[in-house]
Amino acid sequence: AIHSVGLVALTFDHRAIDGAYAARFLARLAQLLQETDWVARL
């Protein structure tokens, strides 16, 4: 079977942004992308 896969990378300056904020951002982004109706919103 073929699956749709996308990679997301985030670069940030750890002196300006705590890694926990970056991790939360990526987790939220993944959650939004996994919603079934996000394409309908485009």
PDB file of N, CA and C in Angstrom:
ATOM      1  N   ALA A   1       0.837  -1.184   0.000  1.00  0.00           N
ATOM      2  CA  ALA A   1       0.000   0.000   0.000  1.00  0.00           C
ATOM      3  C   ALA A   1       0.877   1.240   0.000  1.00  0.00           C
ATOM      4  N   ILE A   2       0.375   2.275  -0.615  1.00  0.00           N
ATOM      5  CA  ILE A   2       1.095   3.548  -0.666  1.00  0.00           C
ATOM      6  C   ILE A   2       0.437   4.499   0.321  1.00  0.00           C
ATOM      7  N   HIS A   3       1.249   5.143   1.116  1.00  0.00           N
ATOM      8  CA  HIS A   3       0.752   6.087   2.113  1.00  0.00           C
ATOM      9  C   HIS A   3       1.284   7.479   1.809  1.00  0.00           C
ATOM     10  N   SER A   4       0.484   8.473   2.083  1.00  0.00           N
ATOM     11  CA  SER A   4       0.942   9.855   1.956  1.00  0.00           C
ATOM     12  C   SER A   4       1.783  10.198   3.172  1.00  0.00           C
ATOM     13  N   VAL A   5       2.966  10.673   2.909  1.00  0.00           N
ATOM     14  CA  VAL A   5       3.872  11.038   3.999  1.00  0.00           C
ATOM     15  C   VAL A   5       4.449  12.409   3.694  1.00  0.00           C
ATOM     16  N   GLY A   6       4.506  13.246   4.688  1.00  0.00           N
ATOM     17  CA  GLY A   6       5.141  14.547   4.548  1.00  0.00           C
ATOM     18  C   GLY A   6       6.078  14.776   5.711  1.00  0.00           C
ATOM     19  N   LEU A   7       7.191  15.365   5.421  1.00  0.00           N
ATOM     20  CA  LEU A   7       8.155  15.677   6.468  1.00  0.00           C
ATOM     21  C   LEU A   7       8.101  17.167   6.761  1.00  0.00           C
ATOM     22  N   VAL A   8       8.169  17.512   8.021  1.00  0.00           N
ATOM     23  CA  VAL A   8       8.175  18.907   8.433  1.00  0.00           C
ATOM     24  C   VAL A   8       9.398  19.119   9.309  1.00  0.00           C
ATOM     25  N   ALA A   9      10.154  20.135   8.980  1.00  0.00           N
ATOM     26  CA  ALA A   9      11.328  20.471   9.780  1.00  0.00           C
ATOM     27  C   ALA A   9      11.141  21.870  10.351  1.00  0.00           C
ATOM     28  N   LEU A  10      11.667  22.069  11.518  1.00  0.00           N
ATOM     29  CA  LEU A  10      11.577  23.369  12.174  1.00  0.00           C
ATOM     30  C   LEU A  10      12.965  23.741  12.659  1.00  0.00           C
ATOM     31  N   THR A  11      13.427  24.894  12.250  1.00  0.00           N
ATOM     32  CA  THR A  11      14.704  25.411  12.717  1.00  0.00           C
ATOM     33  C   THR A  11      14.413  26.611  13.599  1.00  0.00           C
ATOM     34  N   PHE A  12      15.036  26.645  14.755  1.00  0.00           N
ATOM     35  CA  PHE A  12      14.813  27.765  15.659  1.00  0.00           C
ATOM     36  C   PHE A  12      16.085  28.030  16.446  1.00  0.00           C
ATOM     37  N   ASP A  13      16.213  29.229  16.931  1.00  0.00           N
ATOM     38  CA  ASP A  13      17.359  29.618  17.752  1.00  0.00           C
ATOM     39  C   ASP A  13      17.002  29.322  19.202  1.00  0.00           C
ATOM     40  N   HIS A  14      17.652  28.341  19.775  1.00  0.00           N
ATOM     41  CA  HIS A  14      17.316  27.923  21.142  1.00  0.00           C
ATOM     42  C   HIS A  14      17.613  29.007  22.165  1.00  0.00           C
ATOM     43  N   ARG A  15      18.369  30.020  21.790  1.00  0.00           N
ATOM     44  CA  ARG A  15      18.624  31.134  22.714  1.00  0.00           C
ATOM     45  C   ARG A  15      17.409  32.054  22.793  1.00  0.00           C
ATOM     46  N   ALA A  16      16.602  32.075  21.732  1.00  0.00           N
ATOM     47  CA  ALA A  16      15.437  32.952  21.691  1.00  0.00           C
ATOM     48  C   ALA A  16      14.138  32.217  21.997  1.00  0.00           C
ATOM     49  N   ILE A  17      14.064  30.939  21.615  1.00  0.00           N
ATOM     50  CA  ILE A  17      12.838  30.158  21.794  1.00  0.00           C
ATOM     51  C   ILE A  17      13.184  28.861  22.508  1.00  0.00           C
ATOM     52  N   ASP A  18      12.474  28.584  23.572  1.00  0.00           N
ATOM     53  CA  ASP A  18      12.669  27.339  24.304  1.00  0.00           C
ATOM     54  C   ASP A  18      12.218  26.167  23.434  1.00  0.00           C
ATOM     55  N   GLY A  19      12.946  25.073  23.491  1.00  0.00           N
ATOM     56  CA  GLY A  19      12.617  23.895  22.694  1.00  0.00           C
ATOM     57  C   GLY A  19      11.228  23.351  22.972  1.00  0.00           C
ATOM     58  N   ALA A  20      10.721  23.555  24.184  1.00  0.00           N
ATOM     59  CA  ALA A  20       9.379  23.076  24.520  1.00  0.00           C
ATOM     60  C   ALA A  20       8.321  23.784  23.675  1.00  0.00           C
ATOM     61  N   TYR A  21       8.512  25.070  23.417  1.00  0.00           N
ATOM     62  CA  TYR A  21       7.574  25.802  22.565  1.00  0.00           C
ATOM     63  C   TYR A  21       7.606  25.259  21.143  1.00  0.00           C
ATOM     64  N   ALA A  22       8.800  24.984  20.652  1.00  0.00           N
ATOM     65  CA  ALA A  22       8.942  24.444  19.301  1.00  0.00           C
ATOM     66  C   ALA A  22       8.291  23.065  19.204  1.00  0.00           C
ATOM     67  N   ALA A  23       8.481  22.239  20.215  1.00  0.00           N
ATOM     68  CA  ALA A  23       7.881  20.903  20.219  1.00  0.00           C
ATOM     69  C   ALA A  23       6.361  20.993  20.253  1.00  0.00           C
ATOM     70  N   ARG A  24       5.821  21.919  21.042  1.00  0.00           N
ATOM     71  CA  ARG A  24       4.364  22.099  21.091  1.00  0.00           C
ATOM     72  C   ARG A  24       3.822  22.579  19.751  1.00  0.00           C
ATOM     73  N   PHE A  25       4.587  23.470  19.108  1.00  0.00           N
ATOM     74  CA  PHE A  25       4.172  23.957  17.795  1.00  0.00           C
ATOM     75  C   PHE A  25       4.091  22.805  16.801  1.00  0.00           C
ATOM     76  N   LEU A  26       5.121  21.972  16.743  1.00  0.00           N
ATOM     77  CA  LEU A  26       5.115  20.848  15.811  1.00  0.00           C
ATOM     78  C   LEU A  26       4.024  19.837  16.150  1.00  0.00           C
ATOM     79  N   ALA A  27       3.777  19.614  17.429  1.00  0.00           N
ATOM     80  CA  ALA A  27       2.714  18.691  17.830  1.00  0.00           C
ATOM     81  C   ALA A  27       1.351  19.225  17.393  1.00  0.00           C
ATOM     82  N   ARG A  28       1.142  20.522  17.561  1.00  0.00           N
ATOM     83  CA  ARG A  28      -0.133  21.130  17.152  1.00  0.00           C
ATOM     84  C   ARG A  28      -0.274  21.093  15.636  1.00  0.00           C
ATOM     85  N   LEU A  29       0.811  21.367  14.927  1.00  0.00           N
ATOM     86  CA  LEU A  29       0.777  21.307  13.472  1.00  0.00           C
ATOM     87  C   LEU A  29       0.424  19.899  13.001  1.00  0.00           C
ATOM     88  N   ALA A  30       1.026  18.897  13.602  1.00  0.00           N
ATOM     89  CA  ALA A  30       0.722  17.506  13.251  1.00  0.00           C
ATOM     90  C   ALA A  30      -0.743  17.194  13.528  1.00  0.00           C
ATOM     91  N   GLN A  31      -1.256  17.677  14.653  1.00  0.00           N
ATOM     92  CA  GLN A  31      -2.660  17.445  14.999  1.00  0.00           C
ATOM     93  C   GLN A  31      -3.578  18.071  13.950  1.00  0.00           C
ATOM     94  N   LEU A  32      -3.277  19.292  13.538  1.00  0.00           N
ATOM     95  CA  LEU A  32      -4.107  19.961  12.542  1.00  0.00           C
ATOM     96  C   LEU A  32      -4.053  19.257  11.193  1.00  0.00           C
ATOM     97  N   LEU A  33      -2.876  18.776  10.811  1.00  0.00           N
ATOM     98  CA  LEU A  33      -2.741  18.093   9.530  1.00  0.00           C
ATOM     99  C   LEU A  33      -3.433  16.741   9.524  1.00  0.00           C
ATOM    100  N   GLN A  34      -3.570  16.124  10.685  1.00  0.00           N
ATOM    101  CA  GLN A  34      -4.200  14.815  10.772  1.00  0.00           C
ATOM    102  C   GLN A  34      -5.720  14.883  10.787  1.00  0.00           C
ATOM    103  N   GLU A  35      -6.273  16.079  10.952  1.00  0.00           N
ATOM    104  CA  GLU A  35      -7.725  16.215  10.889  1.00  0.00           C
ATOM    105  C   GLU A  35      -8.194  15.842   9.488  1.00  0.00           C
ATOM    106  N   THR A  36      -9.325  15.194   9.408  1.00  0.00           N
ATOM    107  CA  THR A  36      -9.793  14.698   8.113  1.00  0.00           C
ATOM    108  C   THR A  36     -10.355  15.789   7.211  1.00  0.00           C
ATOM    109  N   ASP A  37     -10.763  16.922   7.756  1.00  0.00           N
ATOM    110  CA  ASP A  37     -11.428  17.929   6.933  1.00  0.00           C
ATOM    111  C   ASP A  37     -10.569  19.143   6.614  1.00  0.00           C
ATOM    112  N   TRP A  38      -9.264  19.094   6.849  1.00  0.00           N
ATOM    113  CA  TRP A  38      -8.444  20.287   6.615  1.00  0.00           C
ATOM    114  C   TRP A  38      -8.363  20.646   5.141  1.00  0.00           C
ATOM    115  N   VAL A  39      -8.447  19.676   4.252  1.00  0.00           N
ATOM    116  CA  VAL A  39      -8.386  19.968   2.823  1.00  0.00           C
ATOM    117  C   VAL A  39      -9.620  20.757   2.398  1.00  0.00           C
ATOM    118  N   ALA A  40     -10.747  20.482   2.994  1.00  0.00           N
ATOM    119  CA  ALA A  40     -11.981  21.189   2.656  1.00  0.00           C
ATOM    120  C   ALA A  40     -11.893  22.667   3.006  1.00  0.00           C
ATOM    121  N   ARG A  41     -11.037  23.012   3.960  1.00  0.00           N
ATOM    122  CA  ARG A  41     -10.893  24.412   4.370  1.00  0.00           C
ATOM    123  C   ARG A  41     -10.042  25.225   3.403  1.00  0.00           C
ATOM    124  N   LEU A  42      -9.314  24.556   2.517  1.00  0.00           N
ATOM    125  CA  LEU A  42      -8.431  25.277   1.582  1.00  0.00           C
ATOM    126  C   LEU A  42      -9.208  26.005   0.527  1.00  0.00           C
TER     127      LEU A  42
END
